[in-house]
Amino acid sequence: MPKEYLVPKSICDYSLQEVYYLDEEAVAKERANGSEVLYYMGEEIPMFRFSGVTVTVEWMRGMIGAAILTGAVGALLGTGIAEILEKGRKKSGQYE
């Protein structure tokens, strides 16, 4: 889990926060220190820094979303394979 997130101001609704401007070197330092820099578009784009509970909630939301998506894909894949096997058995006359 990242220590904190840095995101462009343009994708945030919250505006009562200190703004940061990062160059490529600063982005590399932030990432080396455990921060996650999202959607970096250049040093002229203002960025917000989020830490604490916000990071935990966003990390958990991402993990839950990944689990739901993985489960849905697994269910669809399993159902598709079962259907293919069922059709193959019916064609071969196994269920007559």
N, C-alpha and C. Protein backbone atom coordinates (compact mmCIF):
# COMPACT_ATOMS: atom_id res chain seq x y z
N MET A 1 0.86 -1.17 0.00
CA MET A 1 0.00 0.00 0.00
C MET A 1 0.90 1.23 0.00
N PRO A 2 0.61 2.19 -0.86
CA PRO A 2 1.44 3.40 -0.91
C PRO A 2 1.30 4.24 0.36
N LYS A 3 2.33 5.01 0.65
CA LYS A 3 2.33 5.89 1.80
C LYS A 3 1.37 7.06 1.59
N GLU A 4 1.36 7.58 0.36
CA GLU A 4 0.46 8.67 0.00
C GLU A 4 0.30 8.70 -1.52
N TYR A 5 -0.72 9.40 -1.97
CA TYR A 5 -0.99 9.57 -3.39
C TYR A 5 -0.77 11.03 -3.79
N LEU A 6 -0.21 11.23 -4.96
CA LEU A 6 -0.16 12.56 -5.58
C LEU A 6 -0.93 12.46 -6.87
N VAL A 7 -1.96 13.30 -7.01
CA VAL A 7 -2.83 13.26 -8.18
C VAL A 7 -3.01 14.66 -8.74
N PRO A 8 -3.27 14.78 -10.05
CA PRO A 8 -3.49 16.11 -10.63
C PRO A 8 -4.70 16.80 -10.02
N LYS A 9 -4.60 18.08 -9.83
CA LYS A 9 -5.70 18.87 -9.28
C LYS A 9 -6.94 18.77 -10.15
N SER A 10 -6.75 18.61 -11.46
CA SER A 10 -7.87 18.59 -12.40
C SER A 10 -8.82 17.41 -12.22
N ILE A 11 -8.38 16.34 -11.56
CA ILE A 11 -9.27 15.19 -11.37
C ILE A 11 -9.87 15.14 -9.97
N CYS A 12 -9.67 16.19 -9.18
CA CYS A 12 -10.16 16.22 -7.80
C CYS A 12 -11.27 17.26 -7.64
N ASP A 13 -12.22 16.95 -6.78
CA ASP A 13 -13.26 17.91 -6.43
C ASP A 13 -12.82 18.81 -5.28
N TYR A 14 -11.85 18.36 -4.52
CA TYR A 14 -11.39 19.05 -3.32
C TYR A 14 -10.35 20.09 -3.70
N SER A 15 -10.51 21.33 -3.25
CA SER A 15 -9.57 22.38 -3.67
C SER A 15 -8.92 23.13 -2.52
N LEU A 16 -9.21 22.79 -1.29
CA LEU A 16 -8.65 23.50 -0.14
C LEU A 16 -7.40 22.79 0.37
N GLN A 17 -6.47 22.59 -0.50
CA GLN A 17 -5.27 21.83 -0.16
C GLN A 17 -4.06 22.45 -0.85
N GLU A 18 -2.89 22.23 -0.27
CA GLU A 18 -1.66 22.75 -0.85
C GLU A 18 -1.39 22.09 -2.20
N VAL A 19 -0.96 22.89 -3.15
CA VAL A 19 -0.68 22.41 -4.51
C VAL A 19 0.82 22.18 -4.66
N TYR A 20 1.17 21.10 -5.35
CA TYR A 20 2.57 20.76 -5.61
C TYR A 20 2.80 20.72 -7.12
N TYR A 21 3.98 21.16 -7.52
CA TYR A 21 4.41 21.06 -8.92
C TYR A 21 5.65 20.18 -8.93
N LEU A 22 5.59 19.08 -9.67
CA LEU A 22 6.67 18.10 -9.65
C LEU A 22 7.33 18.00 -11.02
N ASP A 23 8.67 17.97 -11.02
CA ASP A 23 9.38 17.65 -12.25
C ASP A 23 9.69 16.16 -12.24
N GLU A 24 10.30 15.64 -13.29
CA GLU A 24 10.57 14.21 -13.39
C GLU A 24 11.42 13.71 -12.21
N GLU A 25 12.38 14.50 -11.78
CA GLU A 25 13.25 14.11 -10.67
C GLU A 25 12.45 14.00 -9.37
N ALA A 26 11.57 14.97 -9.13
CA ALA A 26 10.74 14.95 -7.93
C ALA A 26 9.78 13.75 -7.95
N VAL A 27 9.25 13.42 -9.12
CA VAL A 27 8.35 12.26 -9.25
C VAL A 27 9.12 10.99 -8.89
N ALA A 28 10.34 10.85 -9.39
CA ALA A 28 11.16 9.68 -9.08
C ALA A 28 11.45 9.59 -7.59
N LYS A 29 11.73 10.73 -6.95
CA LYS A 29 11.98 10.73 -5.50
C LYS A 29 10.74 10.33 -4.72
N GLU A 30 9.59 10.86 -5.12
CA GLU A 30 8.33 10.52 -4.44
C GLU A 30 8.06 9.02 -4.54
N ARG A 31 8.25 8.46 -5.72
CA ARG A 31 8.02 7.02 -5.90
C ARG A 31 9.03 6.20 -5.10
N ALA A 32 10.27 6.66 -5.03
CA ALA A 32 11.29 5.95 -4.25
C ALA A 32 10.97 5.99 -2.75
N ASN A 33 10.27 7.03 -2.31
CA ASN A 33 9.91 7.16 -0.89
C ASN A 33 8.59 6.48 -0.55
N GLY A 34 7.99 5.76 -1.49
CA GLY A 34 6.78 5.00 -1.21
C GLY A 34 5.48 5.68 -1.58
N SER A 35 5.55 6.81 -2.24
CA SER A 35 4.33 7.49 -2.68
C SER A 35 3.94 7.01 -4.07
N GLU A 36 2.67 7.13 -4.37
CA GLU A 36 2.16 6.76 -5.69
C GLU A 36 1.80 8.05 -6.43
N VAL A 37 2.42 8.29 -7.56
CA VAL A 37 2.12 9.47 -8.37
C VAL A 37 1.24 9.01 -9.53
N LEU A 38 0.01 9.47 -9.53
CA LEU A 38 -0.96 9.04 -10.53
C LEU A 38 -1.18 10.10 -11.60
N TYR A 39 -1.26 9.67 -12.85
CA TYR A 39 -1.61 10.53 -13.98
C TYR A 39 -0.67 11.73 -14.10
N TYR A 40 0.61 11.53 -13.92
CA TYR A 40 1.57 12.63 -14.05
C TYR A 40 1.62 13.09 -15.49
N MET A 41 1.42 14.40 -15.72
CA MET A 41 1.35 14.95 -17.08
C MET A 41 2.35 16.07 -17.32
N GLY A 42 3.29 16.27 -16.43
CA GLY A 42 4.29 17.30 -16.63
C GLY A 42 4.41 18.23 -15.44
N GLU A 43 5.49 18.97 -15.43
CA GLU A 43 5.79 19.80 -14.26
C GLU A 43 4.93 21.05 -14.15
N GLU A 44 4.19 21.40 -15.18
CA GLU A 44 3.32 22.58 -15.10
C GLU A 44 1.92 22.26 -14.57
N ILE A 45 1.64 20.99 -14.33
CA ILE A 45 0.32 20.56 -13.85
C ILE A 45 0.32 20.53 -12.32
N PRO A 46 -0.60 21.25 -11.67
CA PRO A 46 -0.67 21.23 -10.20
C PRO A 46 -1.14 19.88 -9.68
N MET A 47 -0.55 19.43 -8.58
CA MET A 47 -0.87 18.13 -7.99
C MET A 47 -1.30 18.32 -6.53
N PHE A 48 -2.20 17.45 -6.08
CA PHE A 48 -2.59 17.39 -4.67
C PHE A 48 -1.95 16.16 -4.04
N ARG A 49 -1.66 16.24 -2.75
CA ARG A 49 -1.10 15.12 -1.99
C ARG A 49 -2.17 14.63 -1.01
N PHE A 50 -2.46 13.34 -1.05
CA PHE A 50 -3.40 12.72 -0.12
C PHE A 50 -2.68 11.66 0.69
N SER A 51 -2.95 11.63 2.00
CA SER A 51 -2.32 10.63 2.86
C SER A 51 -3.30 10.20 3.94
N GLY A 52 -2.88 9.29 4.80
CA GLY A 52 -3.71 8.85 5.92
C GLY A 52 -4.83 7.93 5.52
N VAL A 53 -6.01 8.19 6.06
CA VAL A 53 -7.18 7.33 5.85
C VAL A 53 -7.58 7.30 4.37
N THR A 54 -7.40 8.40 3.68
CA THR A 54 -7.75 8.45 2.25
C THR A 54 -7.00 7.39 1.46
N VAL A 55 -5.73 7.23 1.76
CA VAL A 55 -4.91 6.23 1.06
C VAL A 55 -5.42 4.83 1.37
N THR A 56 -5.71 4.56 2.64
CA THR A 56 -6.20 3.24 3.04
C THR A 56 -7.53 2.92 2.36
N VAL A 57 -8.44 3.87 2.35
CA VAL A 57 -9.75 3.66 1.73
C VAL A 57 -9.60 3.40 0.23
N GLU A 58 -8.79 4.20 -0.44
CA GLU A 58 -8.60 4.02 -1.88
C GLU A 58 -7.92 2.69 -2.20
N TRP A 59 -6.96 2.30 -1.39
CA TRP A 59 -6.28 1.02 -1.59
C TRP A 59 -7.27 -0.13 -1.42
N MET A 60 -8.08 -0.07 -0.34
CA MET A 60 -9.07 -1.13 -0.11
C MET A 60 -10.11 -1.17 -1.22
N ARG A 61 -10.53 0.00 -1.69
CA ARG A 61 -11.51 0.05 -2.78
C ARG A 61 -10.95 -0.60 -4.04
N GLY A 62 -9.69 -0.36 -4.31
CA GLY A 62 -9.05 -0.99 -5.47
C GLY A 62 -8.97 -2.49 -5.32
N MET A 63 -8.62 -2.97 -4.13
CA MET A 63 -8.52 -4.41 -3.89
C MET A 63 -9.89 -5.09 -4.00
N ILE A 64 -10.91 -4.46 -3.45
CA ILE A 64 -12.26 -5.02 -3.53
C ILE A 64 -12.73 -5.06 -4.98
N GLY A 65 -12.48 -4.00 -5.71
CA GLY A 65 -12.84 -3.96 -7.13
C GLY A 65 -12.14 -5.05 -7.92
N ALA A 66 -10.85 -5.26 -7.64
CA ALA A 66 -10.09 -6.30 -8.33
C ALA A 66 -10.65 -7.68 -7.99
N ALA A 67 -11.02 -7.89 -6.74
CA ALA A 67 -11.57 -9.19 -6.33
C ALA A 67 -12.91 -9.45 -7.01
N ILE A 68 -13.75 -8.45 -7.08
CA ILE A 68 -15.05 -8.61 -7.74
C ILE A 68 -14.86 -8.89 -9.23
N LEU A 69 -13.98 -8.14 -9.86
CA LEU A 69 -13.73 -8.34 -11.29
C LEU A 69 -13.15 -9.72 -11.55
N THR A 70 -12.20 -10.15 -10.74
CA THR A 70 -11.60 -11.48 -10.90
C THR A 70 -12.65 -12.57 -10.72
N GLY A 71 -13.51 -12.41 -9.72
CA GLY A 71 -14.57 -13.39 -9.49
C GLY A 71 -15.55 -13.45 -10.66
N ALA A 72 -15.91 -12.30 -11.19
CA ALA A 72 -16.85 -12.27 -12.32
C ALA A 72 -16.24 -12.91 -13.56
N VAL A 73 -14.98 -12.61 -13.84
CA VAL A 73 -14.30 -13.21 -14.99
C VAL A 73 -14.20 -14.72 -14.80
N GLY A 74 -13.85 -15.16 -13.60
CA GLY A 74 -13.76 -16.59 -13.32
C GLY A 74 -15.10 -17.30 -13.50
N ALA A 75 -16.17 -16.67 -13.03
CA ALA A 75 -17.50 -17.26 -13.17
C ALA A 75 -17.90 -17.35 -14.64
N LEU A 76 -17.65 -16.29 -15.40
CA LEU A 76 -17.99 -16.32 -16.82
C LEU A 76 -17.16 -17.35 -17.58
N LEU A 77 -15.90 -17.43 -17.26
CA LEU A 77 -15.02 -18.40 -17.90
C LEU A 77 -15.45 -19.83 -17.57
N GLY A 78 -15.75 -20.08 -16.30
CA GLY A 78 -16.21 -21.40 -15.90
C GLY A 78 -17.51 -21.79 -16.57
N THR A 79 -18.44 -20.85 -16.64
CA THR A 79 -19.73 -21.12 -17.29
C THR A 79 -19.53 -21.40 -18.78
N GLY A 80 -18.66 -20.63 -19.42
CA GLY A 80 -18.39 -20.85 -20.85
C GLY A 80 -17.78 -22.21 -21.11
N ILE A 81 -16.83 -22.61 -20.29
CA ILE A 81 -16.19 -23.93 -20.45
C ILE A 81 -17.21 -25.04 -20.22
N ALA A 82 -18.07 -24.88 -19.20
CA ALA A 82 -19.10 -25.89 -18.93
C ALA A 82 -20.07 -26.02 -20.10
N GLU A 83 -20.44 -24.90 -20.71
CA GLU A 83 -21.34 -24.93 -21.86
C GLU A 83 -20.69 -25.63 -23.06
N ILE A 84 -19.42 -25.34 -23.30
CA ILE A 84 -18.71 -25.98 -24.41
C ILE A 84 -18.63 -27.49 -24.18
N LEU A 85 -18.30 -27.90 -22.96
CA LEU A 85 -18.21 -29.33 -22.66
C LEU A 85 -19.58 -30.01 -22.79
N GLU A 86 -20.62 -29.32 -22.35
CA GLU A 86 -21.98 -29.86 -22.44
C GLU A 86 -22.38 -30.07 -23.90
N LYS A 87 -22.10 -29.11 -24.76
CA LYS A 87 -22.43 -29.24 -26.19
C LYS A 87 -21.64 -30.37 -26.83
N GLY A 88 -20.38 -30.52 -26.43
CA GLY A 88 -19.55 -31.61 -26.98
C GLY A 88 -20.09 -32.97 -26.57
N ARG A 89 -20.57 -33.09 -25.35
CA ARG A 89 -21.12 -34.37 -24.89
C ARG A 89 -22.43 -34.69 -25.60
N LYS A 90 -23.25 -33.67 -25.83
CA LYS A 90 -24.51 -33.90 -26.52
C LYS A 90 -24.27 -34.32 -27.97
N LYS A 91 -23.28 -33.72 -28.64
CA LYS A 91 -22.97 -34.07 -30.02
C LYS A 91 -22.44 -35.50 -30.12
N SER A 92 -21.68 -35.92 -29.16
CA SER A 92 -21.10 -37.27 -29.21
C SER A 92 -22.10 -38.34 -28.81
N GLY A 93 -23.29 -37.94 -28.36
CA GLY A 93 -24.31 -38.91 -28.00
C GLY A 93 -24.13 -39.49 -26.62
N GLN A 94 -23.37 -38.85 -25.81
CA GLN A 94 -23.07 -39.34 -24.46
C GLN A 94 -24.30 -39.30 -23.56
N TYR A 95 -25.31 -38.44 -23.85
CA TYR A 95 -26.46 -38.27 -22.97
C TYR A 95 -27.73 -38.91 -23.55
N GLU A 96 -27.63 -39.80 -24.48
CA GLU A 96 -28.83 -40.37 -25.09
C GLU A 96 -29.37 -41.54 -24.34
